[in-house]
PDB file of N, CA and C in Angstrom:
ATOM      1  N   MET A   1     157.564 116.307  83.919  1.00  0.00           N
ATOM      2  CA  MET A   1     156.412 115.492  83.644  1.00  0.00           C
ATOM      3  C   MET A   1     155.427 116.286  82.443  1.00  0.00           C
ATOM      4  N   ALA A   2     156.240 116.729  81.546  1.00  0.00           N
ATOM      5  CA  ALA A   2     155.416 117.742  80.536  1.00  0.00           C
ATOM      6  C   ALA A   2     155.654 116.642  79.217  1.00  0.00           C
ATOM      7  N   HIS A   3     155.245 117.249  78.133  1.00  0.00           N
ATOM      8  CA  HIS A   3     155.368 116.700  76.686  1.00  0.00           C
ATOM      9  C   HIS A   3     154.548 115.565  76.409  1.00  0.00           C
ATOM     10  N   GLY A   4     153.585 115.659  76.940  1.00  0.00           N
ATOM     11  CA  GLY A   4     152.609 114.037  76.585  1.00  0.00           C
ATOM     12  C   GLY A   4     153.052 112.796  77.587  1.00  0.00           C
ATOM     13  N   SER A   5     154.022 112.946  78.603  1.00  0.00           N
ATOM     14  CA  SER A   5     154.384 111.788  79.266  1.00  0.00           C
ATOM     15  C   SER A   5     153.306 111.267  80.004  1.00  0.00           C
ATOM     16  N   LYS A   6     152.967 109.922  79.923  1.00  0.00           N
ATOM     17  CA  LYS A   6     152.044 109.424  80.697  1.00  0.00           C
ATOM     18  C   LYS A   6     152.438 108.574  82.084  1.00  0.00           C
ATOM     19  N   PHE A   7     153.711 108.834  82.326  1.00  0.00           N
ATOM     20  CA  PHE A   7     154.315 108.170  83.660  1.00  0.00           C
ATOM     21  C   PHE A   7     154.285 109.202  84.577  1.00  0.00           C
ATOM     22  N   HIS A   8     152.944 109.301  85.215  1.00  0.00           N
ATOM     23  CA  HIS A   8     153.014 110.333  86.748  1.00  0.00           C
ATOM     24  C   HIS A   8     151.763 109.543  87.006  1.00  0.00           C
ATOM     25  N   ALA A   9     151.338 110.384  88.329  1.00  0.00           N
ATOM     26  CA  ALA A   9     150.531 109.930  89.094  1.00  0.00           C
ATOM     27  C   ALA A   9     148.916 109.870  88.659  1.00  0.00           C
ATOM     28  N   ARG A  10     148.054 109.278  89.038  1.00  0.00           N
ATOM     29  CA  ARG A  10     146.555 109.166  88.250  1.00  0.00           C
ATOM     30  C   ARG A  10     145.975 110.228  89.095  1.00  0.00           C
ATOM     31  N   TRP A  11     146.086 111.546  88.680  1.00  0.00           N
ATOM     32  CA  TRP A  11     145.377 112.609  89.279  1.00  0.00           C
ATOM     33  C   TRP A  11     144.020 112.609  88.903  1.00  0.00           C
ATOM     34  N   VAL A  12     143.140 113.142  89.933  1.00  0.00           N
ATOM     35  CA  VAL A  12     141.677 113.586  89.521  1.00  0.00           C
ATOM     36  C   VAL A  12     141.645 114.730  88.902  1.00  0.00           C
ATOM     37  N   LEU A  13     141.024 114.613  87.656  1.00  0.00           N
ATOM     38  CA  LEU A  13     140.682 115.772  86.964  1.00  0.00           C
ATOM     39  C   LEU A  13     139.555 116.517  87.525  1.00  0.00           C
ATOM     40  N   SER A  14     139.318 117.870  87.132  1.00  0.00           N
ATOM     41  CA  SER A  14     138.160 118.610  87.591  1.00  0.00           C
ATOM     42  C   SER A  14     137.084 118.144  86.738  1.00  0.00           C
ATOM     43  N   VAL A  15     135.897 117.811  87.357  1.00  0.00           N
ATOM     44  CA  VAL A  15     134.808 117.463  86.168  1.00  0.00           C
ATOM     45  C   VAL A  15     134.174 118.573  85.679  1.00  0.00           C
ATOM     46  N   LEU A  16     134.430 119.745  86.001  1.00  0.00           N
ATOM     47  CA  LEU A  16     133.970 121.048  85.574  1.00  0.00           C
ATOM     48  C   LEU A  16     134.718 121.286  84.309  1.00  0.00           C
ATOM     49  N   VAL A  17     135.789 120.807  84.002  1.00  0.00           N
ATOM     50  CA  VAL A  17     136.445 121.058  82.498  1.00  0.00           C
ATOM     51  C   VAL A  17     135.805 120.205  81.546  1.00  0.00           C
ATOM     52  N   HIS A  18     135.044 119.046  81.972  1.00  0.00           N
ATOM     53  CA  HIS A  18     134.388 118.093  80.923  1.00  0.00           C
ATOM     54  C   HIS A  18     133.019 118.475  81.062  1.00  0.00           C
ATOM     55  N   PRO A  19     132.247 118.267  79.841  1.00  0.00           N
ATOM     56  CA  PRO A  19     130.669 118.508  80.010  1.00  0.00           C
ATOM     57  C   PRO A  19     129.953 117.465  80.533  1.00  0.00           C
ATOM     58  N   GLY A  20     129.955 117.284  81.868  1.00  0.00           N
ATOM     59  CA  GLY A  20     129.165 116.748  82.657  1.00  0.00           C
ATOM     60  C   GLY A  20     129.534 115.051  82.707  1.00  0.00           C
ATOM     61  N   ARG A  21     130.449 114.810  81.971  1.00  0.00           N
ATOM     62  CA  ARG A  21     130.856 113.180  81.994  1.00  0.00           C
ATOM     63  C   ARG A  21     132.170 113.082  81.937  1.00  0.00           C
ATOM     64  N   VAL A  22     132.705 111.744  81.898  1.00  0.00           N
ATOM     65  CA  VAL A  22     134.188 111.559  81.880  1.00  0.00           C
ATOM     66  C   VAL A  22     134.418 110.943  80.568  1.00  0.00           C
ATOM     67  N   PHE A  23     135.272 111.148  79.697  1.00  0.00           N
ATOM     68  CA  PHE A  23     135.552 110.851  78.544  1.00  0.00           C
ATOM     69  C   PHE A  23     136.217 109.327  78.739  1.00  0.00           C
ATOM     70  N   ARG A  24     135.750 108.583  77.739  1.00  0.00           N
ATOM     71  CA  ARG A  24     136.552 107.031  77.993  1.00  0.00           C
ATOM     72  C   ARG A  24     137.826 106.976  77.552  1.00  0.00           C
ATOM     73  N   GLY A  25     138.678 106.321  78.337  1.00  0.00           N
ATOM     74  CA  GLY A  25     140.212 106.427  78.318  1.00  0.00           C
ATOM     75  C   GLY A  25     140.903 107.468  79.185  1.00  0.00           C
ATOM     76  N   LEU A  26     140.338 108.379  79.852  1.00  0.00           N
ATOM     77  CA  LEU A  26     141.076 109.424  80.681  1.00  0.00           C
ATOM     78  C   LEU A  26     141.911 108.484  81.746  1.00  0.00           C
ATOM     79  N   PRO A  27     142.974 108.859  82.122  1.00  0.00           N
ATOM     80  CA  PRO A  27     143.551 108.398  83.332  1.00  0.00           C
ATOM     81  C   PRO A  27     143.184 108.691  84.681  1.00  0.00           C
ATOM     82  N   MET A  28     141.959 107.982  85.042  1.00  0.00           N
ATOM     83  CA  MET A  28     141.479 108.359  86.282  1.00  0.00           C
ATOM     84  C   MET A  28     141.552 107.555  87.368  1.00  0.00           C
ATOM     85  N   PRO A  29     141.828 107.626  88.642  1.00  0.00           N
ATOM     86  CA  PRO A  29     142.009 106.768  89.586  1.00  0.00           C
ATOM     87  C   PRO A  29     140.750 105.685  89.741  1.00  0.00           C
ATOM     88  N   GLY A  30     140.973 104.491  90.165  1.00  0.00           N
ATOM     89  CA  GLY A  30     139.736 103.491  90.396  1.00  0.00           C
ATOM     90  C   GLY A  30     140.328 102.039  90.737  1.00  0.00           C
ATOM     91  N   GLN A  31     139.535 101.418  90.862  1.00  0.00           N
ATOM     92  CA  GLN A  31     139.865 100.059  91.189  1.00  0.00           C
ATOM     93  C   GLN A  31     140.480  99.390  89.669  1.00  0.00           C
ATOM     94  N   MET A  32     141.445  98.622  90.186  1.00  0.00           N
ATOM     95  CA  MET A  32     142.166  97.772  88.816  1.00  0.00           C
ATOM     96  C   MET A  32     142.456  96.578  89.508  1.00  0.00           C
ATOM     97  N   GLY A  33     142.095  95.397  88.625  1.00  0.00           N
ATOM     98  CA  GLY A  33     142.606  94.226  88.934  1.00  0.00           C
ATOM     99  C   GLY A  33     141.778  93.261  89.677  1.00  0.00           C
ATOM    100  N   ASN A  34     140.732  93.456  90.186  1.00  0.00           N
ATOM    101  CA  ASN A  34     139.942  92.657  90.932  1.00  0.00           C
ATOM    102  C   ASN A  34     138.764  92.209  90.213  1.00  0.00           C
ATOM    103  N   LYS A  35     138.983  91.392  89.172  1.00  0.00           N
ATOM    104  CA  LYS A  35     138.108  90.916  88.384  1.00  0.00           C
ATOM    105  C   LYS A  35     138.365  89.213  88.177  1.00  0.00           C
ATOM    106  N   ASN A  36     137.431  88.403  88.176  1.00  0.00           N
ATOM    107  CA  ASN A  36     137.748  87.098  87.638  1.00  0.00           C
ATOM    108  C   ASN A  36     137.987  87.105  86.147  1.00  0.00           C
ATOM    109  N   VAL A  37     139.063  86.130  85.848  1.00  0.00           N
ATOM    110  CA  VAL A  37     139.478  86.055  84.397  1.00  0.00           C
ATOM    111  C   VAL A  37     139.265  84.249  84.196  1.00  0.00           C
ATOM    112  N   CYS A  38     138.700  83.962  83.203  1.00  0.00           N
ATOM    113  CA  CYS A  38     138.553  82.785  82.673  1.00  0.00           C
ATOM    114  C   CYS A  38     139.381  82.414  81.368  1.00  0.00           C
ATOM    115  N   VAL A  39     140.385  81.433  81.429  1.00  0.00           N
ATOM    116  CA  VAL A  39     141.310  81.113  80.443  1.00  0.00           C
ATOM    117  C   VAL A  39     140.825  79.958  79.835  1.00  0.00           C
ATOM    118  N   ARG A  40     140.604  79.536  78.661  1.00  0.00           N
ATOM    119  CA  ARG A  40     140.073  78.240  77.729  1.00  0.00           C
ATOM    120  C   ARG A  40     141.569  77.774  77.337  1.00  0.00           C
ATOM    121  N   HIS A  41     141.085  76.630  76.862  1.00  0.00           N
ATOM    122  CA  HIS A  41     141.893  75.702  76.268  1.00  0.00           C
ATOM    123  C   HIS A  41     143.453  75.686  76.748  1.00  0.00           C
ATOM    124  N   ILE A  42     143.571  75.367  78.140  1.00  0.00           N
ATOM    125  CA  ILE A  42     144.885  75.050  78.831  1.00  0.00           C
ATOM    126  C   ILE A  42     144.910  73.594  79.049  1.00  0.00           C
ATOM    127  N   LYS A  43     146.230  73.131  78.630  1.00  0.00           N
ATOM    128  CA  LYS A  43     146.241  71.795  78.641  1.00  0.00           C
ATOM    129  C   LYS A  43     146.983  71.205  80.075  1.00  0.00           C
ATOM    130  N   VAL A  44     146.726  70.345  80.749  1.00  0.00           N
ATOM    131  CA  VAL A  44     147.433  69.696  81.971  1.00  0.00           C
ATOM    132  C   VAL A  44     148.378  68.918  81.469  1.00  0.00           C
ATOM    133  N   VAL A  45     149.573  69.281  81.941  1.00  0.00           N
ATOM    134  CA  VAL A  45     150.679  68.384  81.497  1.00  0.00           C
ATOM    135  C   VAL A  45     151.173  67.339  82.478  1.00  0.00           C
ATOM    136  N   LYS A  46     151.153  67.647  83.720  1.00  0.00           N
ATOM    137  CA  LYS A  46     151.358  66.758  84.787  1.00  0.00           C
ATOM    138  C   LYS A  46     150.673  67.209  86.053  1.00  0.00           C
ATOM    139  N   ILE A  47     150.396  66.093  86.898  1.00  0.00           N
ATOM    140  CA  ILE A  47     150.025  66.472  88.356  1.00  0.00           C
ATOM    141  C   ILE A  47     150.879  65.575  89.448  1.00  0.00           C
ATOM    142  N   ASP A  48     151.618  66.242  89.933  1.00  0.00           N
ATOM    143  CA  ASP A  48     152.289  65.692  91.224  1.00  0.00           C
ATOM    144  C   ASP A  48     151.781  65.754  92.369  1.00  0.00           C
ATOM    145  N   LEU A  49     151.246  64.659  92.895  1.00  0.00           N
ATOM    146  CA  LEU A  49     150.484  64.598  94.070  1.00  0.00           C
ATOM    147  C   LEU A  49     151.274  64.495  95.229  1.00  0.00           C
ATOM    148  N   GLU A  50     152.772  64.162  95.203  1.00  0.00           N
ATOM    149  CA  GLU A  50     153.525  64.426  96.298  1.00  0.00           C
ATOM    150  C   GLU A  50     153.795  65.850  96.601  1.00  0.00           C
ATOM    151  N   LYS A  51     154.080  66.709  95.835  1.00  0.00           N
ATOM    152  CA  LYS A  51     154.280  68.034  96.133  1.00  0.00           C
ATOM    153  C   LYS A  51     152.991  68.876  95.986  1.00  0.00           C
ATOM    154  N   SER A  52     151.913  68.237  95.536  1.00  0.00           N
ATOM    155  CA  SER A  52     150.574  69.147  95.401  1.00  0.00           C
ATOM    156  C   SER A  52     150.875  70.220  94.233  1.00  0.00           C
ATOM    157  N   LEU A  53     151.194  69.860  93.112  1.00  0.00           N
ATOM    158  CA  LEU A  53     151.339  70.512  92.031  1.00  0.00           C
ATOM    159  C   LEU A  53     150.674  70.251  90.777  1.00  0.00           C
ATOM    160  N   ILE A  54     150.168  71.205  90.186  1.00  0.00           N
ATOM    161  CA  ILE A  54     149.612  70.951  88.811  1.00  0.00           C
ATOM    162  C   ILE A  54     150.156  71.696  87.748  1.00  0.00           C
ATOM    163  N   LEU A  55     150.943  70.932  86.678  1.00  0.00           N
ATOM    164  CA  LEU A  55     151.675  71.655  85.766  1.00  0.00           C
ATOM    165  C   LEU A  55     150.941  71.813  84.438  1.00  0.00           C
ATOM    166  N   VAL A  56     150.764  73.067  84.085  1.00  0.00           N
ATOM    167  CA  VAL A  56     149.838  73.607  82.859  1.00  0.00           C
ATOM    168  C   VAL A  56     150.708  74.020  81.750  1.00  0.00           C
ATOM    169  N   HIS A  57     150.436  73.841  80.456  1.00  0.00           N
ATOM    170  CA  HIS A  57     151.149  74.530  79.294  1.00  0.00           C
ATOM    171  C   HIS A  57     150.185  75.571  78.870  1.00  0.00           C
ATOM    172  N   GLY A  58     150.584  76.892  79.247  1.00  0.00           N
ATOM    173  CA  GLY A  58     149.907  78.047  78.832  1.00  0.00           C
ATOM    174  C   GLY A  58     150.212  78.978  80.109  1.00  0.00           C
ATOM    175  N   SER A  59     149.687  80.134  79.912  1.00  0.00           N
ATOM    176  CA  SER A  59     149.745  81.321  80.879  1.00  0.00           C
ATOM    177  C   SER A  59     148.576  81.249  81.735  1.00  0.00           C
ATOM    178  N   VAL A  60     148.840  81.407  83.185  1.00  0.00           N
ATOM    179  CA  VAL A  60     147.845  81.631  84.033  1.00  0.00           C
ATOM    180  C   VAL A  60     147.963  83.191  84.686  1.00  0.00           C
ATOM    181  N   PRO A  61     146.611  83.545  84.583  1.00  0.00           N
ATOM    182  CA  PRO A  61     146.481  85.050  84.952  1.00  0.00           C
ATOM    183  C   PRO A  61     146.592  85.361  86.274  1.00  0.00           C
ATOM    184  N   GLY A  62     147.059  86.517  86.941  1.00  0.00           N
ATOM    185  CA  GLY A  62     147.021  86.734  88.363  1.00  0.00           C
ATOM    186  C   GLY A  62     148.454  86.760  88.766  1.00  0.00           C
ATOM    187  N   ALA A  63     148.561  87.431  90.175  1.00  0.00           N
ATOM    188  CA  ALA A  63     150.121  87.603  90.668  1.00  0.00           C
ATOM    189  C   ALA A  63     150.476  86.345  91.297  1.00  0.00           C
ATOM    190  N   ASP A  64     151.700  86.205  91.763  1.00  0.00           N
ATOM    191  CA  ASP A  64     152.144  85.004  92.149  1.00  0.00           C
ATOM    192  C   ASP A  64     151.424  84.962  93.673  1.00  0.00           C
ATOM    193  N   SER A  65     151.271  83.729  93.958  1.00  0.00           N
ATOM    194  CA  SER A  65     150.746  83.192  95.198  1.00  0.00           C
ATOM    195  C   SER A  65     149.371  83.530  95.444  1.00  0.00           C
ATOM    196  N   THR A  66     148.533  83.490  94.300  1.00  0.00           N
ATOM    197  CA  THR A  66     147.328  83.753  94.326  1.00  0.00           C
ATOM    198  C   THR A  66     146.426  82.325  94.134  1.00  0.00           C
ATOM    199  N   ILE A  67     145.319  82.441  94.527  1.00  0.00           N
ATOM    200  CA  ILE A  67     144.311  81.209  94.369  1.00  0.00           C
ATOM    201  C   ILE A  67     143.706  81.060  93.051  1.00  0.00           C
ATOM    202  N   VAL A  68     144.166  79.689  92.320  1.00  0.00           N
ATOM    203  CA  VAL A  68     143.594  79.557  90.898  1.00  0.00           C
ATOM    204  C   VAL A  68     142.552  78.306  91.191  1.00  0.00           C
ATOM    205  N   THR A  69     141.339  78.401  90.613  1.00  0.00           N
ATOM    206  CA  THR A  69     140.436  77.449  90.385  1.00  0.00           C
ATOM    207  C   THR A  69     140.504  76.665  88.988  1.00  0.00           C
ATOM    208  N   ILE A  70     140.502  75.403  89.088  1.00  0.00           N
ATOM    209  CA  ILE A  70     140.328  74.782  87.936  1.00  0.00           C
ATOM    210  C   ILE A  70     139.144  73.972  87.839  1.00  0.00           C
ATOM    211  N   HIS A  71     138.504  74.105  86.815  1.00  0.00           N
ATOM    212  CA  HIS A  71     137.088  73.413  86.258  1.00  0.00           C
ATOM    213  C   HIS A  71     137.412  72.676  85.110  1.00  0.00           C
ATOM    214  N   PRO A  72     136.841  71.500  85.146  1.00  0.00           N
ATOM    215  CA  PRO A  72     136.875  70.688  83.996  1.00  0.00           C
ATOM    216  C   PRO A  72     136.183  71.032  82.713  1.00  0.00           C
ATOM    217  N   SER A  73     136.568  70.783  81.491  1.00  0.00           N
ATOM    218  CA  SER A  73     136.051  71.531  80.490  1.00  0.00           C
ATOM    219  C   SER A  73     134.895  70.477  79.930  1.00  0.00           C
ATOM    220  N   ILE A  74     133.863  71.073  79.155  1.00  0.00           N
ATOM    221  CA  ILE A  74     132.895  70.400  78.586  1.00  0.00           C
ATOM    222  C   ILE A  74     133.198  69.755  77.236  1.00  0.00           C
ATOM    223  N   VAL A  75     133.198  68.287  77.187  1.00  0.00           N
ATOM    224  CA  VAL A  75     133.544  67.594  76.035  1.00  0.00           C
ATOM    225  C   VAL A  75     132.416  67.128  75.339  1.00  0.00           C
ATOM    226  N   ASP A  76     132.394  67.680  74.123  1.00  0.00           N
ATOM    227  CA  ASP A  76     131.103  67.286  73.271  1.00  0.00           C
ATOM    228  C   ASP A  76     131.296  65.991  72.809  1.00  0.00           C
TER     229      ASP A  76
END
C-alpha cells in the first residue's frame, strides 16, 4: 500500500502533524451518504396501480430498497 495508493483504510491522521486544522480533501473518517438529495426535471413515464410502481425517465439517487419521496413540480 505504498507509492500513492488511495485504496486502503481511512486512517485517522495525527492532528499534531497539521497546523491546528484539517486540510480540505484529506481521507479522514466520518459520515458518508446520509444527506437528502433533490433531483429535478425527472419525467414520470408510467404509473402502474396494480403493482404499485412509478416508472421515471432518469436516475434516482440512493441505494436499492430505499424510500423515495416524489413532490409535484411548480409549473409557471
